[in-house]
Structures are given as structure tokens and as C-alpha cells.
Amino acid sequence: MQALKLTLKDEAATIELGEDLALALKAGDCLALSGDLGAGKSTLARAFLRAMADDEALEVPSPTFTLVQSYALRIPVSHFDLYRLADVSELDELGFDEALSEGICLVEWPENALSALPKSRLTATFSHFGDGRTVALSGEPAALSRIERSLGIRAFLRQRGYGHAKRRHLSGDASARAYERILVPGEPALILMDSARHKPGPILQDGKYYQQLAHLAEDVIPFVAIARDIREKGFCAPHVYESDLDAGILLIEDLGSDGILSEGQPVAERYLESVRALAHLHAQPVTRDISLSPSVTHHIPDFDRTAMKIETSLLIDWYLPWKRGDKASDAERAGYVAVWDQLIDLLTTSEKKLLLRDFHSPNIIWRGDRSGFDRIGIIDFQDAMIGPTAYDVASISQDARVTIEPDLREEMLSLYCAERHALGDFDETAFRRDWHLMSAQRNCKLAGIWVRLMQRDQKPFYMKHMPRTFSYLEVALKHEALAPLRDWCIKAGILYSSARHE
């Protein structure tokens, strides 16, 4: 068991630690708070709960007499006080196991039930030290690593003059990135991006792992570079105010909280303005190499054959075995690869510009009080490449997280084409073919990603998007150029024969 030893000089430091722990713990964690009366256990628990609730006025009664107090927060938290526990068996009656399976358990006076607490628990042992206290945090290495990361972020903020800022969970996503809102009284809120350097995965091809083959960002350098490029071209991306490129921590501009959805439904005006901005961005010349310093330059990679195929392989590697209960045969796999080689050949002469890669509702901020392209805040682009412009248009007009009805989809496509025609030479016929091809590529990838998130990453809630993904794929397969892929999907049993030519 490893241990972290901290010195907390006063109550404010204990409260700060509670907030930092609230950003580190996850469902299934048990934090045992051990120490004498007045050592700071209840102060830390109260700060933890208020940070989880994002409510500094949250009433946190002591569970001394009730033994447990439960809170329905973004992660459910149960606060146990076992000082008056008569027998270890009472812990079952209090629903400890159920509470731990669904959320986080904070346990004061754990000494009264050590035999019933999980061996994988974290323990915070408080001791008086002058006018303050010390705390030793011990537990499993993986859990301690999360705590060390949170404490490292606090150190980053302290070094940049934000040491006493309030940190509040903002969001996570399907990747390992996480975001916090950083609050300082009297100052605009900031966003902290927590994106540690990616750890290499298993070698899949040519001595490379998936992230390398798909050209996914492995650190925060691409984000900083692309943000600068987008802003210099006259579009809205966050300013990066402070950074630790090696640690993967950025302090960036908060562009706002309004999206392009309202009550979970697309707002047509916002989608259309997003497409208009995209058309003008695609008309800009490409900046291939972006220098951040004399020693740091980001080279934007191509969305090449290797990247396209490693992404489409997710359908056959993850979705197909889940759908059918058995793996693809060698003949099926060879046929699928051949189909995609044939389709990718069609893109040889396609227009290729900056491809943002995930230009859809989770990654677009609506800034209705601004004008022009400043109304469209773009916040996710670290995986940007140089590739077919039709990809980004497919991404937003077939939004993976919300259903885009056919009329709105066509309105977006028509607006994009009209804007591009007005800005110069534009081959609409080739673009519309490429839209179908890129839609198919993206949705084959997404079908595999949803299953991978469920099976490998224990994130089953993304599976709710699967029906929409396949409805979009059927639209893509209606173009005559996609007939070989449509036929393969029908033969493999993952699509019915309902998709027809346009």
C-alpha cells in the first residue's frame, strides 16, 4: 500500500483537500476517514460533499445518530459515521454494499468496522500538527494515482496564481479527458482541461498502436496549435491562458454553456450557422505546420488510408461480434477491407482541407450575444487532420448524439454548398458523393466505438446512440457509389436490404 503525506496548515487547507478529492474519487471508491475528535474528518467530508453538489450552502448534517446520510449527486455519495456502531453486522443493515456499488462511501470512525470494509479502500489518517494537521492518504496505487493527479492540478493552479480557486467538475467525454470549471471571485470563469499524455496501447499494425494509426492526439500540443490556427483564421476557439504541455494541463477560455440544442432537440438556426462557419473555414488555405515555440511544432496529419481503415475496422472488430455473437470470418474480413480500399480510392481527387473530426453538438458552443462567426464556439479539435471537407459536414448533419431530421439535413447541405459556391470553385457533385462516403466511414467507426465503450470502458450509456447510427448509415448507403459496402453489410447480417439507391 502506497501513501501520500500532506500538511494542512488550517481549516481552509482541509476544505481545499476535500474539493480536490471530489474531483478524484469515482463510483466504487470507499474513503475511510480516521483520526481523533476535531482532527478534520468532518470538515473534509463536508467540503467533499459541497464540492460534489456544487453548492457551498449544502446542509451536511452529522450522521452520528443516523449512522448514514445519503446524497443523490452527480455521483451518489453515502456518508457513514460508525462511532456508535454496535456491531459490524449493522453495516449490512445500513446498505453499505449497495451504496458502494452505486457510488462513493465516506466512512468516519472506520476502526469500528474494519473487517467489513473493502480491502481496496482508501484511508485518510488525520493527526494534529501544531495549529494545523497532517493527513496520510493510503490505498491501492490506481486510486492514489487519481488523487495525485488532482493534487498536481491544484499545484499547477497555485503556480499560476489560482491556488485558492474553486474547482468544480464540468464534464468528461468518451475519451480520458476531463474538464473543470475554475472559479475566482470577481473574475470570469475559466476551463481547465485535464488531458494526461496517452499511454500506448497494443501494437496493431506496422509497429503502431491504434492512436498512432488513427492519428489521434496523444498530448495537448495539437489542441493548443489548432486553437491558435482557428482563431487566426477568424473563427472562435478558446484562448489558452496557461499550460503545462508535458503534464497535459491547460487553463483555457470559457466560451459559455449554451449549445446548439434546446431541451435535447436541434435548434435549426444554430445548426445552420454552424454549417455556414464550417463552409468559410473550409474555404481557407491549410496551415500544415503550426509552431508553438522554437522547439515545439505541430504537424497536422493527413486523414489517410491507414487512418480511415483502422477506424472502419472498429465495426468488424467490435460491433459485428457483439451483434452476431461470433467473429467475422477471414473471407468476410477480406471482403470488408477490399470494399473500403475501393471506396477510399474514390477520394483521391477530393477537396481536402482542415478536418475538425468531431464537429457536432457536444463540441459547439452557441454564443447568441455575439455576431458573425464569433457566435459559433468550437471546443474539440485536437484530433484535427487534413482530409475530405465532406467529413465535417457529415459529422454535424448526422449528429451522433441527436437525431437530425431529413429536412434539416438537406437544408444544411444546401446552405453549405451555396456558401462554398459563393466563395469560389466548388464541385458539388463530388462533394455530395464524398458526403455519403464520409458518412458511411464515420458511422461504421461509431458503431464499433459504442460497443467498445460498453465492453472495454464500462460506459454502456453510449449504446443508446446505436439505432441512430444505423439509421444514418442507411442514408449513407443509398448513394450508388456505396453499393459494394451496402451489399457487404446485408450479407454480413448487420443491415437489412431496405437501403435503396437515391
Protein backbone atom coordinates (compact mmCIF):
# COMPACT_ATOMS: atom_id res chain seq x y z
CA MET A 1 0.00 0.00 0.00
CA GLN A 2 1.40 3.35 -1.04
CA ALA A 3 0.86 6.57 0.91
CA LEU A 4 0.75 10.31 0.31
CA LYS A 5 1.56 12.59 3.22
CA LEU A 6 0.19 16.14 3.28
CA THR A 7 0.39 19.03 5.72
CA LEU A 8 -2.78 21.07 6.11
CA LYS A 9 -1.95 24.32 7.84
CA ASP A 10 -5.54 25.35 8.62
CA GLU A 11 -9.22 24.60 8.05
CA ALA A 12 -9.14 26.28 4.63
CA ALA A 13 -6.46 23.79 3.51
CA THR A 14 -8.63 20.90 4.72
CA ILE A 15 -11.59 22.26 2.75
CA GLU A 16 -9.37 22.61 -0.30
CA LEU A 17 -8.29 18.96 0.02
CA GLY A 18 -11.94 17.91 0.22
CA GLU A 19 -12.61 19.72 -3.06
CA ASP A 20 -9.57 18.13 -4.69
CA LEU A 21 -10.68 14.65 -3.59
CA ALA A 22 -14.17 15.30 -5.01
CA LEU A 23 -12.54 15.55 -8.44
CA ALA A 24 -10.51 12.36 -7.96
CA LEU A 25 -12.87 9.79 -6.48
CA LYS A 26 -15.27 7.73 -8.59
CA ALA A 27 -18.13 5.31 -8.07
CA GLY A 28 -16.97 2.27 -6.12
CA ASP A 29 -14.44 4.19 -4.01
CA CYS A 30 -14.56 3.91 -0.22
CA LEU A 31 -12.70 6.64 1.66
CA ALA A 32 -12.12 5.84 5.32
CA LEU A 33 -11.53 8.94 7.45
CA SER A 34 -9.51 8.09 10.52
CA GLY A 35 -8.31 10.34 13.36
CA ASP A 36 -9.12 11.83 16.77
CA LEU A 37 -12.05 14.11 17.52
CA GLY A 38 -11.52 17.52 15.97
CA ALA A 39 -8.79 16.30 13.62
CA GLY A 40 -10.66 17.43 10.48
CA LYS A 41 -12.57 14.36 9.31
CA SER A 42 -16.00 16.04 9.30
CA THR A 43 -14.60 19.24 7.79
CA LEU A 44 -13.15 17.29 4.87
CA ALA A 45 -16.34 15.24 4.40
CA ARG A 46 -18.47 18.41 4.38
CA ALA A 47 -16.18 20.11 1.82
CA PHE A 48 -16.19 16.96 -0.33
CA LEU A 49 -19.99 16.81 -0.39
CA ARG A 50 -20.44 20.51 -1.10
CA ALA A 51 -17.96 20.33 -3.97
CA MET A 52 -19.71 17.27 -5.41
CA ALA A 53 -23.03 19.12 -5.15
CA ASP A 54 -21.51 22.40 -6.40
CA ASP A 55 -23.39 24.01 -3.53
CA GLU A 56 -21.42 25.75 -0.79
CA ALA A 57 -24.60 26.12 1.26
CA LEU A 58 -25.48 22.41 1.14
CA GLU A 59 -26.70 21.25 4.53
CA VAL A 60 -24.44 18.41 5.68
CA PRO A 61 -25.78 17.08 8.99
CA SER A 62 -23.60 14.79 11.03
CA PRO A 63 -24.63 11.15 10.65
CA THR A 64 -23.53 10.40 14.24
CA PHE A 65 -27.00 9.25 15.29
CA THR A 66 -28.47 8.12 11.94
CA LEU A 67 -25.13 6.38 11.12
CA VAL A 68 -25.55 7.17 7.41
CA GLN A 69 -26.63 10.14 5.33
CA SER A 70 -27.05 9.70 1.58
CA TYR A 71 -26.82 12.32 -1.17
CA ALA A 72 -28.10 12.00 -4.76
CA LEU A 73 -25.33 13.92 -6.53
CA ARG A 74 -23.61 13.56 -9.93
CA ILE A 75 -22.05 10.50 -8.26
CA PRO A 76 -24.17 9.26 -5.34
CA VAL A 77 -22.36 9.69 -2.02
CA SER A 78 -23.15 7.99 1.29
CA HIS A 79 -21.61 9.50 4.42
CA PHE A 80 -21.22 6.96 7.23
CA ASP A 81 -20.31 7.70 10.84
CA LEU A 82 -19.61 4.43 12.66
CA TYR A 83 -18.79 5.93 16.07
CA ARG A 84 -21.97 4.48 17.57
CA LEU A 85 -21.98 1.24 15.57
CA ALA A 86 -22.86 -1.54 17.99
CA ASP A 87 -21.87 -4.47 15.79
CA VAL A 88 -20.19 -4.93 12.42
CA SER A 89 -23.27 -6.77 11.14
CA GLU A 90 -25.20 -3.48 11.32
CA LEU A 91 -23.24 -2.26 8.30
CA ASP A 92 -25.24 -4.64 6.11
CA GLU A 93 -28.48 -3.28 7.50
CA LEU A 94 -27.32 0.23 6.65
CA GLY A 95 -26.97 -0.78 2.97
CA PHE A 96 -23.23 -0.25 2.75
CA ASP A 97 -22.59 -2.73 -0.09
CA GLU A 98 -25.39 -1.31 -2.21
CA ALA A 99 -24.21 2.26 -1.59
CA LEU A 100 -20.67 1.34 -2.63
CA SER A 101 -21.85 -0.42 -5.78
CA GLU A 102 -23.70 2.71 -6.89
CA GLY A 103 -21.43 5.49 -5.68
CA ILE A 104 -18.84 6.70 -3.18
CA CYS A 105 -18.77 5.93 0.54
CA LEU A 106 -17.17 8.28 3.07
CA VAL A 107 -16.65 6.47 6.38
CA GLU A 108 -15.79 8.22 9.64
CA TRP A 109 -14.58 6.04 12.54
CA PRO A 110 -13.79 3.12 10.20
CA GLU A 111 -11.92 1.39 13.06
CA ASN A 112 -15.28 0.11 14.34
CA ALA A 113 -15.88 -2.00 11.22
CA LEU A 114 -12.54 -2.61 9.54
CA SER A 115 -13.30 -6.27 8.87
CA ALA A 116 -16.39 -5.30 6.86
CA LEU A 117 -14.82 -2.54 4.77
CA PRO A 118 -13.32 -3.34 1.37
CA LYS A 119 -9.62 -4.10 1.34
CA SER A 120 -9.27 -1.79 -1.68
CA ARG A 121 -10.43 1.21 0.35
CA LEU A 122 -8.61 4.49 0.57
CA THR A 123 -7.70 5.71 4.04
CA ALA A 124 -7.10 9.30 5.12
CA THR A 125 -5.45 9.32 8.56
CA PHE A 126 -5.55 12.71 10.29
CA SER A 127 -3.15 13.84 13.02
CA HIS A 128 -2.84 17.15 14.86
CA PHE A 129 0.25 19.12 13.91
CA GLY A 130 0.72 22.50 15.60
CA ASP A 131 -2.19 24.75 14.61
CA GLY A 132 -2.97 22.51 11.65
CA ARG A 133 -2.90 18.84 10.89
CA THR A 134 -1.26 16.24 8.73
CA VAL A 135 -3.07 13.64 6.67
CA ALA A 136 -1.68 10.42 5.25
CA LEU A 137 -3.57 9.04 2.26
CA SER A 138 -3.05 5.35 1.58
CA GLY A 139 -4.67 2.79 -0.67
CA GLU A 140 -4.43 0.98 -3.98
CA PRO A 141 -1.97 2.53 -6.48
CA ALA A 142 -4.63 3.20 -9.14
CA ALA A 143 -6.81 5.18 -6.73
CA LEU A 144 -3.85 7.06 -5.30
CA SER A 145 -2.77 7.91 -8.82
CA ARG A 146 -6.09 9.68 -9.40
CA ILE A 147 -5.61 11.64 -6.19
CA GLU A 148 -2.04 12.55 -7.12
CA ARG A 149 -3.32 13.83 -10.47
CA SER A 150 -5.89 16.04 -8.75
CA LEU A 151 -3.29 17.37 -6.33
CA GLY A 152 -0.99 18.01 -9.28
CA ILE A 153 -3.69 20.13 -10.90
CA ARG A 154 -4.01 22.11 -7.67
CA ALA A 155 -0.24 22.67 -7.73
CA PHE A 156 -0.47 23.85 -11.37
CA LEU A 157 -3.18 26.35 -10.38
CA ARG A 158 -1.15 27.52 -7.40
CA GLN A 159 1.91 28.14 -9.58
CA ARG A 160 -0.21 30.21 -11.98
CA GLY A 161 -1.78 32.33 -9.25
CA TYR A 162 -5.05 30.41 -8.94
CA GLY A 163 -4.18 28.30 -5.91
CA HIS A 164 -7.30 29.16 -3.92
CA ALA A 165 -9.73 28.98 -6.83
CA LYS A 166 -12.83 26.81 -6.50
CA ARG A 167 -12.58 23.72 -8.68
CA ARG A 168 -15.83 22.23 -9.93
CA HIS A 169 -16.39 19.20 -12.14
CA LEU A 170 -17.62 20.26 -15.56
CA SER A 171 -17.68 17.19 -17.74
CA GLY A 172 -15.86 14.22 -19.09
CA ASP A 173 -16.26 12.62 -22.51
CA ALA A 174 -15.77 9.34 -24.27
CA SER A 175 -12.01 9.82 -24.04
CA ALA A 176 -9.80 10.05 -20.96
CA ARG A 177 -10.04 13.86 -20.95
CA ALA A 178 -11.84 15.65 -18.14
CA TYR A 179 -12.82 19.27 -17.65
CA GLU A 180 -13.25 21.52 -14.64
CA ARG A 181 -14.66 24.99 -14.15
CA ILE A 182 -12.20 27.22 -12.27
CA LEU A 183 -13.86 29.94 -10.21
CA VAL A 184 -12.21 33.01 -8.70
CA PRO A 185 -14.49 35.64 -7.11
CA GLY A 186 -14.79 38.72 -9.29
CA GLU A 187 -13.16 37.14 -12.34
CA PRO A 188 -14.58 35.34 -15.41
CA ALA A 189 -14.75 31.56 -15.05
CA LEU A 190 -12.04 29.54 -16.75
CA ILE A 191 -11.97 25.97 -18.00
CA LEU A 192 -9.27 23.52 -17.02
CA MET A 193 -8.58 20.69 -19.44
CA ASP A 194 -7.09 17.60 -17.80
CA SER A 195 -5.60 15.51 -20.57
CA ALA A 196 -2.64 13.43 -19.47
CA ARG A 197 -0.35 12.07 -22.16
CA HIS A 198 -1.88 9.00 -23.77
CA LYS A 199 -0.43 5.64 -22.79
CA PRO A 200 0.48 3.38 -25.71
CA GLY A 201 -1.89 0.52 -26.46
CA PRO A 202 -1.29 -2.89 -28.05
CA ILE A 203 0.57 -2.92 -31.35
CA LEU A 204 -1.91 -3.48 -34.19
CA GLN A 205 -0.12 -2.76 -37.44
CA ASP A 206 3.29 -1.67 -38.72
CA GLY A 207 4.64 -1.41 -35.16
CA LYS A 208 1.96 1.14 -34.21
CA TYR A 209 -0.97 1.19 -31.81
CA TYR A 210 -4.49 2.43 -32.54
CA GLN A 211 -3.97 6.09 -31.62
CA GLN A 212 -0.96 6.34 -33.91
CA LEU A 213 -2.71 4.64 -36.82
CA ALA A 214 -5.82 6.81 -36.45
CA HIS A 215 -3.73 9.97 -35.86
CA LEU A 216 -5.39 10.72 -32.53
CA ALA A 217 -3.79 13.37 -30.33
CA GLU A 218 -1.56 11.85 -27.66
CA ASP A 219 -0.89 15.07 -25.76
CA VAL A 220 -2.28 18.63 -25.59
CA ILE A 221 0.07 20.15 -28.17
CA PRO A 222 -2.36 19.63 -31.08
CA PHE A 223 -5.16 21.35 -29.13
CA VAL A 224 -3.04 24.42 -28.43
CA ALA A 225 -1.83 24.57 -32.03
CA ILE A 226 -5.19 24.08 -33.74
CA ALA A 227 -6.88 26.56 -31.37
CA ARG A 228 -4.36 29.19 -32.45
CA ASP A 229 -4.83 28.36 -36.14
CA ILE A 230 -8.63 28.55 -35.93
CA ARG A 231 -8.53 31.90 -34.15
CA GLU A 232 -6.01 33.34 -36.60
CA LYS A 233 -8.36 32.39 -39.43
CA GLY A 234 -11.11 34.47 -37.82
CA PHE A 235 -13.13 31.76 -36.08
CA CYS A 236 -13.91 31.15 -32.42
CA ALA A 237 -11.82 28.70 -30.41
CA PRO A 238 -10.75 29.08 -26.77
CA HIS A 239 -7.72 31.14 -25.85
CA VAL A 240 -5.15 29.07 -23.98
CA TYR A 241 -4.09 31.19 -21.00
CA GLU A 242 -1.83 28.79 -19.10
CA SER A 243 -0.37 25.42 -19.99
CA ASP A 244 1.81 22.56 -18.88
CA LEU A 245 2.32 20.69 -22.13
CA ASP A 246 4.23 17.83 -20.52
CA ALA A 247 1.65 17.24 -17.78
CA GLY A 248 -1.29 17.73 -20.14
CA ILE A 249 -2.99 20.54 -18.23
CA LEU A 250 -4.45 23.62 -19.91
CA LEU A 251 -6.25 26.64 -18.49
CA ILE A 252 -8.44 27.96 -21.28
CA GLU A 253 -11.17 30.46 -22.06
CA ASP A 254 -14.74 29.59 -21.07
CA LEU A 255 -16.73 30.18 -24.25
CA GLY A 256 -20.08 29.70 -22.50
CA SER A 257 -22.52 26.96 -21.70
CA ASP A 258 -25.22 27.24 -24.39
CA GLY A 259 -25.09 24.56 -27.05
CA ILE A 260 -26.88 24.13 -30.34
CA LEU A 261 -29.60 22.01 -28.74
CA SER A 262 -32.60 23.16 -26.73
CA GLU A 263 -34.23 20.65 -24.38
CA GLY A 264 -32.32 17.93 -26.18
CA GLN A 265 -33.52 18.90 -29.66
CA PRO A 266 -31.64 20.56 -32.55
CA VAL A 267 -32.14 24.31 -32.95
CA ALA A 268 -32.21 24.80 -36.72
CA GLU A 269 -30.77 28.34 -36.67
CA ARG A 270 -27.77 27.22 -34.62
CA TYR A 271 -27.05 24.22 -36.81
CA LEU A 272 -27.29 26.32 -39.95
CA GLU A 273 -24.96 28.98 -38.58
CA SER A 274 -22.53 26.24 -37.59
CA VAL A 275 -22.56 24.91 -41.14
CA ARG A 276 -22.06 28.44 -42.51
CA ALA A 277 -18.97 28.86 -40.32
CA LEU A 278 -17.72 25.45 -41.43
CA ALA A 279 -18.09 26.40 -45.11
CA HIS A 280 -15.97 29.51 -44.60
CA LEU A 281 -13.37 27.61 -42.56
CA HIS A 282 -13.10 25.00 -45.34
CA ALA A 283 -12.53 27.77 -47.88
CA GLN A 284 -9.39 28.87 -46.02
CA PRO A 285 -5.92 27.67 -47.07
CA VAL A 286 -4.44 24.90 -44.96
CA THR A 287 -1.74 25.60 -42.38
CA ARG A 288 0.13 22.32 -42.28
CA ASP A 289 2.74 23.14 -39.63
CA ILE A 290 1.93 25.29 -36.57
CA SER A 291 4.84 26.48 -34.43
CA LEU A 292 4.23 26.99 -30.72
CA SER A 293 7.85 27.67 -29.79
CA PRO A 294 11.30 27.23 -31.32
CA SER A 295 11.26 23.63 -30.12
CA VAL A 296 7.57 22.71 -30.50
CA THR A 297 5.79 22.48 -33.86
CA HIS A 298 2.60 20.60 -34.57
CA HIS A 299 2.35 18.94 -37.97
CA ILE A 300 -1.29 18.31 -38.91
CA PRO A 301 -1.51 14.73 -40.22
CA ASP A 302 -3.48 13.53 -43.22
CA PHE A 303 -6.71 11.59 -42.88
CA ASP A 304 -5.05 8.91 -44.93
CA ARG A 305 -5.97 5.39 -45.98
CA THR A 306 -4.46 3.89 -42.84
CA ALA A 307 -6.47 6.17 -40.54
CA MET A 308 -9.73 5.61 -42.41
CA LYS A 309 -9.34 1.86 -42.41
CA ILE A 310 -8.29 1.48 -38.78
CA GLU A 311 -11.45 3.40 -37.84
CA THR A 312 -13.76 1.38 -40.07
CA SER A 313 -12.21 -1.80 -38.64
CA LEU A 314 -14.00 -0.99 -35.37
CA LEU A 315 -17.26 -2.19 -36.94
CA ILE A 316 -15.85 -5.60 -37.76
CA ASP A 317 -13.72 -5.92 -34.61
CA TRP A 318 -16.27 -4.76 -32.02
CA TYR A 319 -19.76 -4.32 -33.46
CA LEU A 320 -20.02 -7.45 -35.57
CA PRO A 321 -19.06 -9.94 -32.79
CA TRP A 322 -21.48 -8.19 -30.41
CA LYS A 323 -24.29 -8.19 -32.97
CA ARG A 324 -23.92 -11.80 -34.17
CA GLY A 325 -22.21 -13.48 -31.25
CA ASP A 326 -19.28 -14.62 -33.37
CA LYS A 327 -16.32 -13.03 -35.13
CA ALA A 328 -16.09 -12.22 -38.80
CA SER A 329 -14.74 -14.98 -40.97
CA ASP A 330 -11.47 -14.46 -42.83
CA ALA A 331 -13.45 -14.11 -46.08
CA GLU A 332 -15.77 -11.50 -44.55
CA ARG A 333 -12.86 -9.50 -43.19
CA ALA A 334 -11.02 -9.62 -46.52
CA GLY A 335 -14.17 -8.54 -48.34
CA TYR A 336 -14.76 -5.65 -45.97
CA VAL A 337 -11.16 -4.42 -46.31
CA ALA A 338 -11.39 -4.65 -50.09
CA VAL A 339 -14.60 -2.64 -50.17
CA TRP A 340 -13.04 0.14 -48.16
CA ASP A 341 -9.92 0.17 -50.32
CA GLN A 342 -12.18 0.64 -53.33
CA LEU A 343 -14.15 3.45 -51.68
CA ILE A 344 -11.07 5.27 -50.43
CA ASP A 345 -9.68 5.22 -53.98
CA LEU A 346 -12.61 7.48 -54.93
CA LEU A 347 -11.27 10.20 -52.62
CA THR A 348 -8.00 10.62 -54.49
CA THR A 349 -9.09 13.87 -56.16
CA SER A 350 -11.46 15.08 -53.41
CA GLU A 351 -11.09 18.52 -51.85
CA LYS A 352 -9.01 18.24 -48.68
CA LYS A 353 -8.82 20.98 -46.05
CA LEU A 354 -8.72 21.23 -42.24
CA LEU A 355 -10.96 18.46 -40.89
CA LEU A 356 -12.06 19.10 -37.29
CA ARG A 357 -13.16 15.46 -36.90
CA ASP A 358 -15.91 15.82 -34.27
CA PHE A 359 -17.88 18.87 -35.34
CA HIS A 360 -21.25 18.12 -33.76
CA SER A 361 -23.48 19.20 -30.87
CA PRO A 362 -21.29 18.26 -27.86
CA ASN A 363 -18.44 20.34 -29.27
CA ILE A 364 -20.16 23.53 -30.43
CA ILE A 365 -20.99 26.47 -28.15
CA TRP A 366 -23.74 28.90 -29.19
CA ARG A 367 -22.84 32.50 -28.36
CA GLY A 368 -26.05 34.29 -29.24
CA ASP A 369 -24.89 37.65 -27.89
CA ARG A 370 -22.01 37.74 -30.39
CA SER A 371 -22.00 38.41 -34.12
CA GLY A 372 -20.68 36.66 -37.19
CA PHE A 373 -18.58 33.57 -36.76
CA ASP A 374 -17.88 34.53 -33.15
CA ARG A 375 -21.31 33.06 -32.40
CA ILE A 376 -20.00 29.55 -33.09
CA GLY A 377 -17.57 28.41 -30.41
CA ILE A 378 -15.54 25.35 -31.42
CA ILE A 379 -14.14 23.41 -28.47
CA ASP A 380 -12.99 19.96 -29.65
CA PHE A 381 -10.42 19.79 -32.42
CA GLN A 382 -7.26 18.20 -31.01
CA ASP A 383 -7.64 15.29 -33.44
CA ALA A 384 -7.91 17.57 -36.49
CA MET A 385 -6.40 16.35 -39.74
CA ILE A 386 -6.19 17.35 -43.38
CA GLY A 387 -8.89 15.42 -45.20
CA PRO A 388 -12.11 15.48 -47.21
CA THR A 389 -14.17 18.51 -46.18
CA ALA A 390 -17.32 16.41 -46.53
CA TYR A 391 -16.41 14.60 -43.30
CA ASP A 392 -17.13 17.57 -41.03
CA VAL A 393 -20.38 18.29 -42.87
CA ALA A 394 -21.44 14.67 -42.39
CA SER A 395 -20.49 14.94 -38.71
CA ILE A 396 -22.87 17.83 -37.98
CA SER A 397 -25.65 16.98 -40.43
CA GLN A 398 -25.77 13.45 -38.99
CA ASP A 399 -25.14 14.43 -35.38
CA ALA A 400 -24.15 11.28 -33.47
CA ARG A 401 -25.81 12.45 -30.23
CA VAL A 402 -29.18 13.71 -31.52
CA THR A 403 -31.44 12.87 -34.44
CA ILE A 404 -31.27 15.26 -37.40
CA GLU A 405 -34.43 15.00 -39.46
CA PRO A 406 -34.06 14.75 -43.27
CA ASP A 407 -35.41 18.26 -43.99
CA LEU A 408 -32.90 19.93 -41.68
CA ARG A 409 -30.11 17.73 -43.00
CA GLU A 410 -30.83 18.77 -46.58
CA GLU A 411 -31.14 22.42 -45.56
CA MET A 412 -27.67 22.22 -44.02
CA LEU A 413 -26.19 20.55 -47.08
CA SER A 414 -27.77 23.09 -49.42
CA LEU A 415 -26.56 26.01 -47.30
CA TYR A 416 -23.03 24.62 -47.18
CA CYS A 417 -22.94 24.16 -50.95
CA ALA A 418 -24.37 27.63 -51.59
CA GLU A 419 -21.75 29.23 -49.34
CA ARG A 420 -18.93 27.28 -50.97
CA HIS A 421 -20.11 28.20 -54.48
CA ALA A 422 -20.15 31.86 -53.43
CA LEU A 423 -16.60 31.61 -52.10
CA GLY A 424 -15.03 30.16 -55.25
CA ASP A 425 -14.71 26.99 -57.31
CA PHE A 426 -16.60 24.11 -55.74
CA ASP A 427 -17.50 20.69 -57.15
CA GLU A 428 -20.89 19.99 -55.57
CA THR A 429 -21.37 16.62 -57.27
CA ALA A 430 -18.08 15.28 -55.91
CA PHE A 431 -18.82 16.82 -52.50
CA ARG A 432 -22.21 15.12 -52.23
CA ARG A 433 -20.70 11.77 -53.17
CA ASP A 434 -17.98 12.32 -50.59
CA TRP A 435 -20.61 13.25 -48.01
CA HIS A 436 -22.15 9.78 -48.38
CA LEU A 437 -18.76 8.12 -48.27
CA MET A 438 -17.58 10.02 -45.21
CA SER A 439 -20.93 9.44 -43.51
CA ALA A 440 -20.50 5.70 -44.04
CA GLN A 441 -16.93 5.80 -42.78
CA ARG A 442 -17.89 7.75 -39.67
CA ASN A 443 -20.91 5.62 -38.80
CA CYS A 444 -19.05 2.34 -39.27
CA LYS A 445 -16.50 3.73 -36.81
CA LEU A 446 -19.16 4.89 -34.34
CA ALA A 447 -20.97 1.55 -34.33
CA GLY A 448 -17.75 -0.08 -33.17
CA ILE A 449 -16.94 2.68 -30.70
CA TRP A 450 -20.29 2.38 -28.90
CA VAL A 451 -19.66 -1.34 -28.32
CA ARG A 452 -16.05 -0.75 -27.31
CA LEU A 453 -17.09 1.90 -24.80
CA MET A 454 -19.58 -0.54 -23.31
CA GLN A 455 -17.39 -3.65 -23.21
CA ARG A 456 -13.90 -2.29 -22.64
CA ASP A 457 -14.50 1.02 -20.86
CA GLN A 458 -17.65 0.20 -18.84
CA LYS A 459 -19.57 3.09 -20.42
CA PRO A 460 -22.79 1.39 -21.58
CA PHE A 461 -24.85 4.58 -21.87
CA TYR A 462 -23.36 5.32 -25.30
CA MET A 463 -25.22 2.31 -26.69
CA LYS A 464 -28.40 4.41 -26.78
CA HIS A 465 -26.96 6.06 -29.89
CA MET A 466 -26.71 2.78 -31.84
CA PRO A 467 -30.14 2.89 -33.56
CA ARG A 468 -29.50 6.42 -34.76
CA THR A 469 -26.04 5.44 -36.02
CA PHE A 470 -27.51 2.73 -38.20
CA SER A 471 -30.31 4.93 -39.48
CA TYR A 472 -27.62 7.39 -40.59
CA LEU A 473 -25.58 4.58 -42.13
CA GLU A 474 -28.57 3.50 -44.21
CA VAL A 475 -28.86 7.05 -45.56
CA ALA A 476 -25.18 7.00 -46.48
CA LEU A 477 -25.51 3.68 -48.27
CA LYS A 478 -28.20 4.96 -50.64
CA HIS A 479 -25.61 6.54 -52.96
CA GLU A 480 -24.72 4.30 -55.88
CA ALA A 481 -21.01 4.61 -55.10
CA LEU A 482 -21.65 2.88 -51.76
CA ALA A 483 -23.36 -0.17 -53.29
CA PRO A 484 -20.42 -2.52 -52.52
CA LEU A 485 -20.50 -1.61 -48.82
CA ARG A 486 -24.27 -1.87 -48.69
CA ASP A 487 -24.15 -5.35 -50.21
CA TRP A 488 -21.44 -6.43 -47.75
CA CYS A 489 -23.46 -5.19 -44.76
CA ILE A 490 -26.58 -7.02 -45.92
CA LYS A 491 -24.65 -10.24 -46.50
CA ALA A 492 -22.96 -9.97 -43.09
CA GLY A 493 -26.36 -9.66 -41.44
CA ILE A 494 -25.88 -6.24 -39.91
CA LEU A 495 -28.28 -4.44 -42.25
CA TYR A 496 -31.49 -5.43 -43.93
CA SER A 497 -31.99 -4.81 -47.63
CA SER A 498 -34.06 -1.66 -47.05
CA ALA A 499 -31.33 0.80 -48.12
CA ARG A 500 -32.01 1.73 -51.76
CA HIS A 501 -30.20 3.84 -54.34
CA GLU A 502 -31.04 7.56 -54.41
